[in-house]
Amino acid sequence: MNSDALLDHYNWRETFSYDADITMVIAQRNVGKTFGLREQFLRDYIQRVERFVSLTRYKPTLTLKAAGYFDKVLSDTEDSKLIEWRDAERPCFQLVNNTYQIGHVLESGKRTDWAPMGYFAPMSIKQDSKERTFMAVRRIELDEAIMEPEDLRYRHYLADEWGNLASIVNSCARERADGAHKPNVYLLSNAADIVNPWFVELGIDTVPPYGKHWYRNKTVLLDYVDPTQFKQHDATDTVAGRMLAGRAGGSMASSNVFEGAHSEFIAKRSRGAQYECGFIYRGKVYAIWTDWAFGMSFVCNKWLEGAGHMYALTTRDNRVNYLAAKEARRAMSQMIERYGYGQMRFETIALREGFAAMMRDFGIR
């Protein structure tokens, strides 16, 4: 690509033109995906008094996210309308009962009445959203939709992220006036862990090619952003970049490459493989098929009912099934031993990463 054609920032205008119900943008850090969307939130309110909803997984993080939410946009924006609006009315913001309010301090020093501009809501408490009033919501966003692998040691995805999101969207849509534009949902993320609830819902089990792709009957748009379309900056020019140089997290942050996306140990099961046993963990099936003559076991998502043990390691509400886990421990240890001897293959990258995470969660190494 010609260096003159390289982008400085993510092109939100092009993405908005698709008008997808749900848009998932996966891009490296520092290309303006969060900045550009918040800038659009301001533009929506200035031009049409349309409001936003900003989501977090858990309630305690709401106030942290809301603090200084528009500070960078108002200080760095190149949009003439936003600059004029900022300078003329000197907006100020406050969070009251999770409603983001805007006020304007005039030259006289007097402040106009506060007005609702947006809302912050936790996905973990659906009842809160059902009981709230959302007025004229235009866009809904969840940042860090895909959690980074190291964060999963201390935090977890919700049991039903897709269902929780749908409930909030439904609450917002109920308050739309006739003829108003539908709410659009935006999920923002870095390329982090390929095993995540959003990809499971969309049926994505391998790394998609760069670019825009439709899912679920053209209602969900995934934009897996090619990092080469942006002007490149040497990651080692920053302290953080030098700290992450050479680590998997560094590639994820600067090059938009999924951690664990290599093709090692990926293979389709052989014709001679027979079903041996399986595990169900957090809604995913890990079925073990073994070709005894070939000396190789394969992990698949297809299993034969009644043909071998199937251990349900989690209950329907995703709690650990300790009784089944105790019974499965010997079988799990055998699989890890085979893996260590190089006698284990996985049909997809997602199965490999999910199987490894399952083993780690149960202390099998």
Protein backbone atom coordinates (compact mmCIF):
# COMPACT_ATOMS: atom_id res chain seq x y z
CA MET A 1 0.00 0.00 0.00
CA ASN A 2 1.23 3.48 -0.87
CA SER A 3 2.45 5.20 2.29
CA ASP A 4 0.40 8.29 1.36
CA ALA A 5 -2.76 6.15 1.44
CA LEU A 6 -2.13 4.78 4.93
CA LEU A 7 -4.60 5.79 7.64
CA ASP A 8 -3.92 7.68 10.84
CA HIS A 9 -7.13 6.56 12.52
CA TYR A 10 -9.83 3.93 12.22
CA ASN A 11 -12.45 4.89 9.61
CA TRP A 12 -15.70 4.96 11.56
CA ARG A 13 -17.61 6.73 8.78
CA GLU A 14 -17.21 3.74 6.48
CA THR A 15 -18.26 1.32 9.22
CA PHE A 16 -21.33 3.39 10.11
CA SER A 17 -22.43 3.21 6.45
CA TYR A 18 -23.13 -0.53 6.87
CA ASP A 19 -25.73 0.27 9.55
CA ALA A 20 -25.38 -3.21 11.08
CA ASP A 21 -27.48 -4.10 14.10
CA ILE A 22 -24.27 -5.16 15.86
CA THR A 23 -20.77 -4.17 14.80
CA MET A 24 -17.69 -5.80 16.30
CA VAL A 25 -14.44 -3.95 15.68
CA ILE A 26 -11.22 -5.79 16.48
CA ALA A 27 -8.22 -3.52 16.03
CA GLN A 28 -4.88 -2.88 17.65
CA ARG A 29 -4.49 -0.19 20.26
CA ASN A 30 -3.97 3.48 19.50
CA VAL A 31 -5.78 3.62 16.16
CA GLY A 32 -8.72 5.64 17.50
CA LYS A 33 -11.53 3.09 17.62
CA THR A 34 -12.67 4.20 21.10
CA PHE A 35 -11.90 7.88 20.45
CA GLY A 36 -13.84 7.89 17.17
CA LEU A 37 -16.92 6.27 18.64
CA ARG A 38 -17.07 8.66 21.58
CA GLU A 39 -16.66 11.54 19.16
CA GLN A 40 -19.72 10.23 17.31
CA PHE A 41 -21.65 10.10 20.59
CA LEU A 42 -21.05 13.84 20.96
CA ARG A 43 -21.99 14.48 17.36
CA ASP A 44 -25.24 12.50 17.77
CA TYR A 45 -26.24 14.62 20.73
CA ILE A 46 -25.26 17.96 19.20
CA GLN A 47 -27.06 17.35 15.92
CA ARG A 48 -30.12 15.28 16.93
CA VAL A 49 -30.20 15.00 20.75
CA GLU A 50 -29.62 11.26 20.43
CA ARG A 51 -28.07 9.52 23.41
CA PHE A 52 -25.61 6.69 24.02
CA VAL A 53 -25.35 3.74 26.38
CA SER A 54 -21.90 2.68 27.59
CA LEU A 55 -21.73 -0.80 29.06
CA THR A 56 -19.43 -2.46 31.55
CA ARG A 57 -19.53 -6.07 32.69
CA TYR A 58 -19.72 -5.27 36.37
CA LYS A 59 -21.22 -2.38 38.30
CA PRO A 60 -18.10 -1.32 40.29
CA THR A 61 -16.31 -0.27 37.10
CA LEU A 62 -19.03 2.16 35.97
CA THR A 63 -17.70 5.25 37.72
CA LEU A 64 -14.14 4.51 36.62
CA LYS A 65 -15.21 4.37 32.99
CA ALA A 66 -17.38 7.48 33.22
CA ALA A 67 -14.65 9.66 34.75
CA GLY A 68 -13.38 12.05 32.06
CA TYR A 69 -15.31 10.14 29.40
CA PHE A 70 -15.16 12.94 26.80
CA ASP A 71 -12.04 14.78 27.98
CA LYS A 72 -9.73 13.51 25.24
CA VAL A 73 -12.32 13.99 22.50
CA LEU A 74 -13.00 17.59 23.49
CA SER A 75 -9.30 18.42 23.72
CA ASP A 76 -8.08 16.62 20.57
CA THR A 77 -10.98 16.63 18.12
CA GLU A 78 -10.54 18.07 14.63
CA ASP A 79 -14.29 18.29 13.97
CA SER A 80 -15.21 21.95 13.48
CA LYS A 81 -18.76 21.52 14.79
CA LEU A 82 -17.53 19.93 18.00
CA ILE A 83 -14.88 22.61 18.47
CA GLU A 84 -17.46 25.37 17.97
CA TRP A 85 -19.86 23.69 20.39
CA ARG A 86 -17.12 23.13 22.96
CA ASP A 87 -15.76 26.68 22.86
CA ALA A 88 -19.13 28.44 22.77
CA GLU A 89 -20.83 26.62 25.59
CA ARG A 90 -18.02 25.08 27.67
CA PRO A 91 -19.79 21.80 28.43
CA CYS A 92 -19.36 20.01 31.73
CA PHE A 93 -20.49 16.54 32.73
CA GLN A 94 -21.61 14.60 35.78
CA LEU A 95 -22.77 11.07 36.52
CA VAL A 96 -25.97 10.86 38.57
CA ASN A 97 -27.53 7.45 39.23
CA ASN A 98 -25.61 6.07 36.25
CA THR A 99 -27.08 8.71 33.94
CA TYR A 100 -24.44 10.85 32.22
CA GLN A 101 -25.63 14.46 32.35
CA ILE A 102 -24.42 17.48 30.44
CA GLY A 103 -24.47 21.10 31.56
CA HIS A 104 -23.13 24.28 30.02
CA VAL A 105 -21.25 26.95 31.93
CA LEU A 106 -21.85 30.29 30.27
CA GLU A 107 -19.57 33.34 30.38
CA SER A 108 -21.65 34.73 33.20
CA GLY A 109 -20.65 31.73 35.28
CA LYS A 110 -24.17 30.40 35.47
CA ARG A 111 -24.85 26.80 34.58
CA THR A 112 -27.83 25.74 32.52
CA ASP A 113 -30.05 22.92 33.69
CA TRP A 114 -28.48 19.50 33.55
CA ALA A 115 -29.80 17.25 30.78
CA PRO A 116 -29.33 13.49 30.20
CA MET A 117 -26.83 12.81 27.42
CA GLY A 118 -26.15 9.12 27.91
CA TYR A 119 -26.32 6.18 30.25
CA PHE A 120 -23.89 3.77 31.88
CA ALA A 121 -25.16 0.28 32.62
CA PRO A 122 -23.70 -2.98 33.98
CA MET A 123 -24.41 -6.08 31.92
CA SER A 124 -24.28 -8.26 35.03
CA ILE A 125 -27.50 -6.82 36.49
CA LYS A 126 -30.18 -7.14 33.82
CA GLN A 127 -32.93 -6.12 36.22
CA ASP A 128 -31.38 -2.66 36.61
CA SER A 129 -31.74 -2.06 32.88
CA LYS A 130 -35.29 -3.39 32.75
CA GLU A 131 -36.38 -0.89 35.40
CA ARG A 132 -34.60 2.13 33.92
CA THR A 133 -35.88 4.58 31.36
CA PHE A 134 -33.61 5.05 28.35
CA MET A 135 -34.61 8.03 26.25
CA ALA A 136 -33.75 8.34 22.54
CA VAL A 137 -30.77 5.97 22.59
CA ARG A 138 -28.91 5.87 19.27
CA ARG A 139 -25.77 3.84 19.99
CA ILE A 140 -24.73 1.24 22.56
CA GLU A 141 -21.10 0.26 23.14
CA LEU A 142 -19.09 -2.30 25.07
CA ASP A 143 -15.34 -1.74 25.09
CA GLU A 144 -12.94 -4.63 25.76
CA ALA A 145 -15.61 -7.06 24.59
CA ILE A 146 -12.94 -9.75 24.24
CA MET A 147 -10.99 -10.05 27.46
CA GLU A 148 -7.22 -10.45 27.41
CA PRO A 149 -6.01 -13.90 28.51
CA GLU A 150 -4.10 -12.63 31.53
CA ASP A 151 -7.21 -10.78 32.77
CA LEU A 152 -9.17 -14.04 32.79
CA ARG A 153 -7.16 -15.14 35.82
CA TYR A 154 -8.89 -12.49 37.93
CA ARG A 155 -12.12 -11.70 36.06
CA HIS A 156 -14.55 -13.76 34.04
CA TYR A 157 -17.04 -13.39 31.25
CA LEU A 158 -20.67 -13.34 32.31
CA ALA A 159 -22.59 -16.60 32.09
CA ASP A 160 -24.63 -15.34 29.11
CA GLU A 161 -23.06 -12.21 27.66
CA TRP A 162 -25.08 -12.35 24.45
CA GLY A 163 -28.37 -12.72 26.34
CA ASN A 164 -27.49 -9.94 28.78
CA LEU A 165 -26.63 -7.62 25.91
CA ALA A 166 -29.89 -8.46 24.13
CA SER A 167 -31.85 -7.64 27.29
CA ILE A 168 -30.24 -4.21 27.56
CA VAL A 169 -30.79 -3.48 23.86
CA ASN A 170 -34.45 -4.43 24.27
CA SER A 171 -34.79 -2.02 27.21
CA CYS A 172 -33.28 0.79 25.13
CA ALA A 173 -35.38 0.06 22.04
CA ARG A 174 -38.66 0.17 23.97
CA GLU A 175 -38.22 3.88 24.54
CA ARG A 176 -37.70 4.80 20.86
CA ALA A 177 -40.20 7.16 19.32
CA ASP A 178 -42.02 6.15 16.13
CA GLY A 179 -39.83 6.64 13.09
CA ALA A 180 -36.63 7.01 15.11
CA HIS A 181 -33.51 5.16 14.03
CA LYS A 182 -32.95 1.76 15.61
CA PRO A 183 -30.22 1.47 18.25
CA ASN A 184 -26.88 0.23 16.91
CA VAL A 185 -24.56 -1.86 19.07
CA TYR A 186 -20.76 -1.67 18.94
CA LEU A 187 -18.39 -4.21 20.50
CA LEU A 188 -14.79 -2.99 20.61
CA SER A 189 -11.75 -5.13 21.27
CA ASN A 190 -8.11 -5.84 20.63
CA ALA A 191 -7.24 -9.20 19.10
CA ALA A 192 -6.91 -11.10 22.35
CA ASP A 193 -8.26 -14.59 23.00
CA ILE A 194 -9.87 -16.47 20.11
CA VAL A 195 -11.89 -18.46 22.66
CA ASN A 196 -14.54 -15.94 23.71
CA PRO A 197 -18.35 -15.95 24.04
CA TRP A 198 -18.90 -13.60 21.10
CA PHE A 199 -17.07 -15.87 18.64
CA VAL A 200 -18.91 -18.88 20.08
CA GLU A 201 -22.24 -17.15 19.41
CA LEU A 202 -21.18 -16.29 15.86
CA GLY A 203 -19.80 -19.76 15.15
CA ILE A 204 -16.22 -18.52 14.68
CA ASP A 205 -13.69 -21.17 15.67
CA THR A 206 -10.69 -20.13 13.59
CA VAL A 207 -9.05 -16.76 13.07
CA PRO A 208 -11.07 -14.89 10.41
CA PRO A 209 -9.30 -13.11 7.56
CA TYR A 210 -8.76 -9.38 7.89
CA GLY A 211 -11.61 -7.23 6.69
CA LYS A 212 -15.36 -6.91 7.17
CA HIS A 213 -17.53 -10.02 7.36
CA TRP A 214 -21.25 -10.57 7.94
CA TYR A 215 -22.71 -13.09 10.39
CA ARG A 216 -26.17 -14.14 11.58
CA ASN A 217 -28.05 -13.29 8.37
CA LYS A 218 -26.22 -9.98 7.89
CA THR A 219 -27.16 -8.58 11.28
CA VAL A 220 -23.66 -8.75 12.81
CA LEU A 221 -20.71 -7.09 11.10
CA LEU A 222 -17.22 -8.15 12.19
CA ASP A 223 -14.39 -5.84 11.19
CA TYR A 224 -11.09 -7.57 11.89
CA VAL A 225 -8.83 -4.66 11.05
CA ASP A 226 -5.68 -5.17 9.00
CA PRO A 227 -2.90 -3.41 10.94
CA THR A 228 -0.93 -2.71 7.74
CA GLN A 229 -3.49 -0.12 6.60
CA PHE A 230 -2.31 2.27 9.32
CA LYS A 231 0.81 4.35 9.47
CA GLN A 232 3.26 2.28 11.43
CA HIS A 233 4.97 3.48 14.57
CA ASP A 234 7.86 1.61 16.11
CA ALA A 235 6.46 -0.03 19.24
CA THR A 236 9.83 0.34 20.93
CA ASP A 237 9.47 4.12 20.77
CA THR A 238 7.42 3.93 23.98
CA VAL A 239 8.23 2.56 27.42
CA ALA A 240 5.27 0.16 27.29
CA GLY A 241 6.24 -0.98 23.80
CA ARG A 242 9.77 -1.78 24.90
CA MET A 243 8.43 -3.65 27.93
CA LEU A 244 6.16 -5.81 25.74
CA ALA A 245 8.63 -6.36 22.91
CA GLY A 246 8.92 -10.03 22.05
CA ARG A 247 5.95 -11.12 24.15
CA ALA A 248 2.66 -12.50 22.82
CA GLY A 249 0.83 -9.60 24.46
CA GLY A 250 2.99 -7.18 22.52
CA SER A 251 1.89 -8.66 19.19
CA MET A 252 -1.73 -8.60 20.29
CA ALA A 253 -1.54 -4.95 21.30
CA SER A 254 0.44 -3.56 18.36
CA SER A 255 -0.14 -5.99 15.48
CA ASN A 256 -3.75 -7.11 16.04
CA VAL A 257 -2.81 -10.80 16.15
CA PHE A 258 -4.82 -13.23 18.27
CA GLU A 259 -2.87 -14.86 21.04
CA GLY A 260 -2.69 -18.62 20.55
CA ALA A 261 -3.72 -18.38 16.90
CA HIS A 262 -0.88 -20.58 15.61
CA SER A 263 -1.79 -23.84 13.88
CA GLU A 264 0.31 -26.18 16.04
CA PHE A 265 -1.47 -29.48 16.91
CA ILE A 266 -4.37 -28.73 14.56
CA ALA A 267 -5.62 -31.69 12.50
CA LYS A 268 -8.85 -33.42 11.51
CA ARG A 269 -9.46 -36.75 13.16
CA SER A 270 -8.39 -39.83 11.24
CA ARG A 271 -10.89 -42.27 9.74
CA GLY A 272 -9.85 -44.96 12.19
CA ALA A 273 -10.52 -42.83 15.28
CA GLN A 274 -13.13 -44.14 17.70
CA TYR A 275 -15.05 -42.16 20.28
CA GLU A 276 -13.51 -42.61 23.73
CA CYS A 277 -14.96 -40.01 26.12
CA GLY A 278 -15.80 -36.34 26.34
CA PHE A 279 -16.16 -33.27 28.54
CA ILE A 280 -18.75 -30.51 28.61
CA TYR A 281 -17.39 -27.28 30.04
CA ARG A 282 -19.09 -23.89 29.97
CA GLY A 283 -21.38 -24.96 27.16
CA LYS A 284 -18.63 -26.36 24.91
CA VAL A 285 -18.12 -30.02 24.03
CA TYR A 286 -14.62 -31.52 23.97
CA ALA A 287 -15.03 -35.05 22.60
CA ILE A 288 -12.01 -37.37 22.56
CA TRP A 289 -11.66 -39.67 19.55
CA THR A 290 -8.66 -42.01 19.58
CA ASP A 291 -7.02 -43.87 16.72
CA TRP A 292 -5.30 -46.65 18.65
CA ALA A 293 -3.46 -48.02 15.61
CA PHE A 294 -2.13 -44.57 14.75
CA GLY A 295 -1.42 -43.70 18.39
CA MET A 296 -3.17 -40.34 18.31
CA SER A 297 -6.16 -38.77 20.08
CA PHE A 298 -8.27 -36.04 18.49
CA VAL A 299 -10.40 -33.41 20.25
CA CYS A 300 -13.62 -32.64 18.35
CA ASN A 301 -17.02 -31.12 19.12
CA LYS A 302 -18.91 -34.18 17.85
CA TRP A 303 -19.64 -37.02 20.25
CA LEU A 304 -21.58 -40.28 20.24
CA GLU A 305 -24.30 -40.55 22.85
CA GLY A 306 -24.08 -43.76 24.83
CA ALA A 307 -20.73 -44.76 23.31
CA GLY A 308 -18.52 -43.59 26.17
CA HIS A 309 -18.34 -41.37 29.23
CA MET A 310 -19.41 -37.74 28.83
CA TYR A 311 -18.44 -35.66 31.86
CA ALA A 312 -20.51 -32.51 32.42
CA LEU A 313 -17.92 -30.42 34.28
CA THR A 314 -20.27 -27.45 34.60
CA THR A 315 -23.99 -27.27 35.25
CA ARG A 316 -26.48 -25.53 32.97
CA ASP A 317 -25.88 -22.22 34.75
CA ASN A 318 -22.10 -22.66 34.29
CA ARG A 319 -21.32 -23.53 37.91
CA VAL A 320 -18.66 -26.18 38.49
CA ASN A 321 -20.10 -29.68 38.80
CA TYR A 322 -17.74 -30.95 41.48
CA LEU A 323 -19.20 -34.47 41.48
CA ALA A 324 -18.55 -34.95 37.77
CA ALA A 325 -15.20 -33.17 37.99
CA LYS A 326 -14.00 -35.64 40.61
CA GLU A 327 -15.01 -38.57 38.40
CA ALA A 328 -13.39 -36.98 35.33
CA ARG A 329 -10.05 -36.16 36.93
CA ARG A 330 -8.37 -39.43 35.95
CA ALA A 331 -9.51 -39.13 32.32
CA MET A 332 -8.36 -35.48 32.18
CA SER A 333 -4.95 -36.42 33.54
CA GLN A 334 -4.62 -39.07 30.84
CA MET A 335 -5.38 -36.50 28.13
CA ILE A 336 -2.77 -34.09 29.45
CA GLU A 337 -0.25 -36.93 29.51
CA ARG A 338 -1.01 -37.69 25.86
CA TYR A 339 -0.68 -34.02 25.04
CA GLY A 340 2.74 -33.97 26.69
CA TYR A 341 3.83 -36.92 24.55
CA GLY A 342 2.62 -35.14 21.39
CA GLN A 343 -0.24 -37.60 20.91
CA MET A 344 -3.10 -35.08 20.96
CA ARG A 345 -4.57 -33.12 18.04
CA PHE A 346 -7.44 -30.61 17.87
CA GLU A 347 -9.84 -29.96 15.00
CA THR A 348 -9.80 -26.18 15.50
CA ILE A 349 -7.73 -23.55 17.25
CA ALA A 350 -10.73 -22.69 19.43
CA LEU A 351 -10.99 -26.30 20.61
CA ARG A 352 -7.28 -26.38 21.44
CA GLU A 353 -7.34 -23.15 23.41
CA GLY A 354 -10.62 -23.96 25.14
CA PHE A 355 -9.41 -27.46 26.09
CA ALA A 356 -6.21 -26.00 27.57
CA ALA A 357 -8.20 -23.41 29.54
CA MET A 358 -10.50 -26.14 30.88
CA MET A 359 -7.51 -28.15 32.09
CA ARG A 360 -5.94 -25.09 33.73
CA ASP A 361 -9.19 -24.24 35.52
CA PHE A 362 -9.22 -27.69 37.10
CA GLY A 363 -5.54 -27.61 38.00
CA ILE A 364 -4.59 -30.33 35.47
CA ARG A 365 -1.14 -29.61 34.05
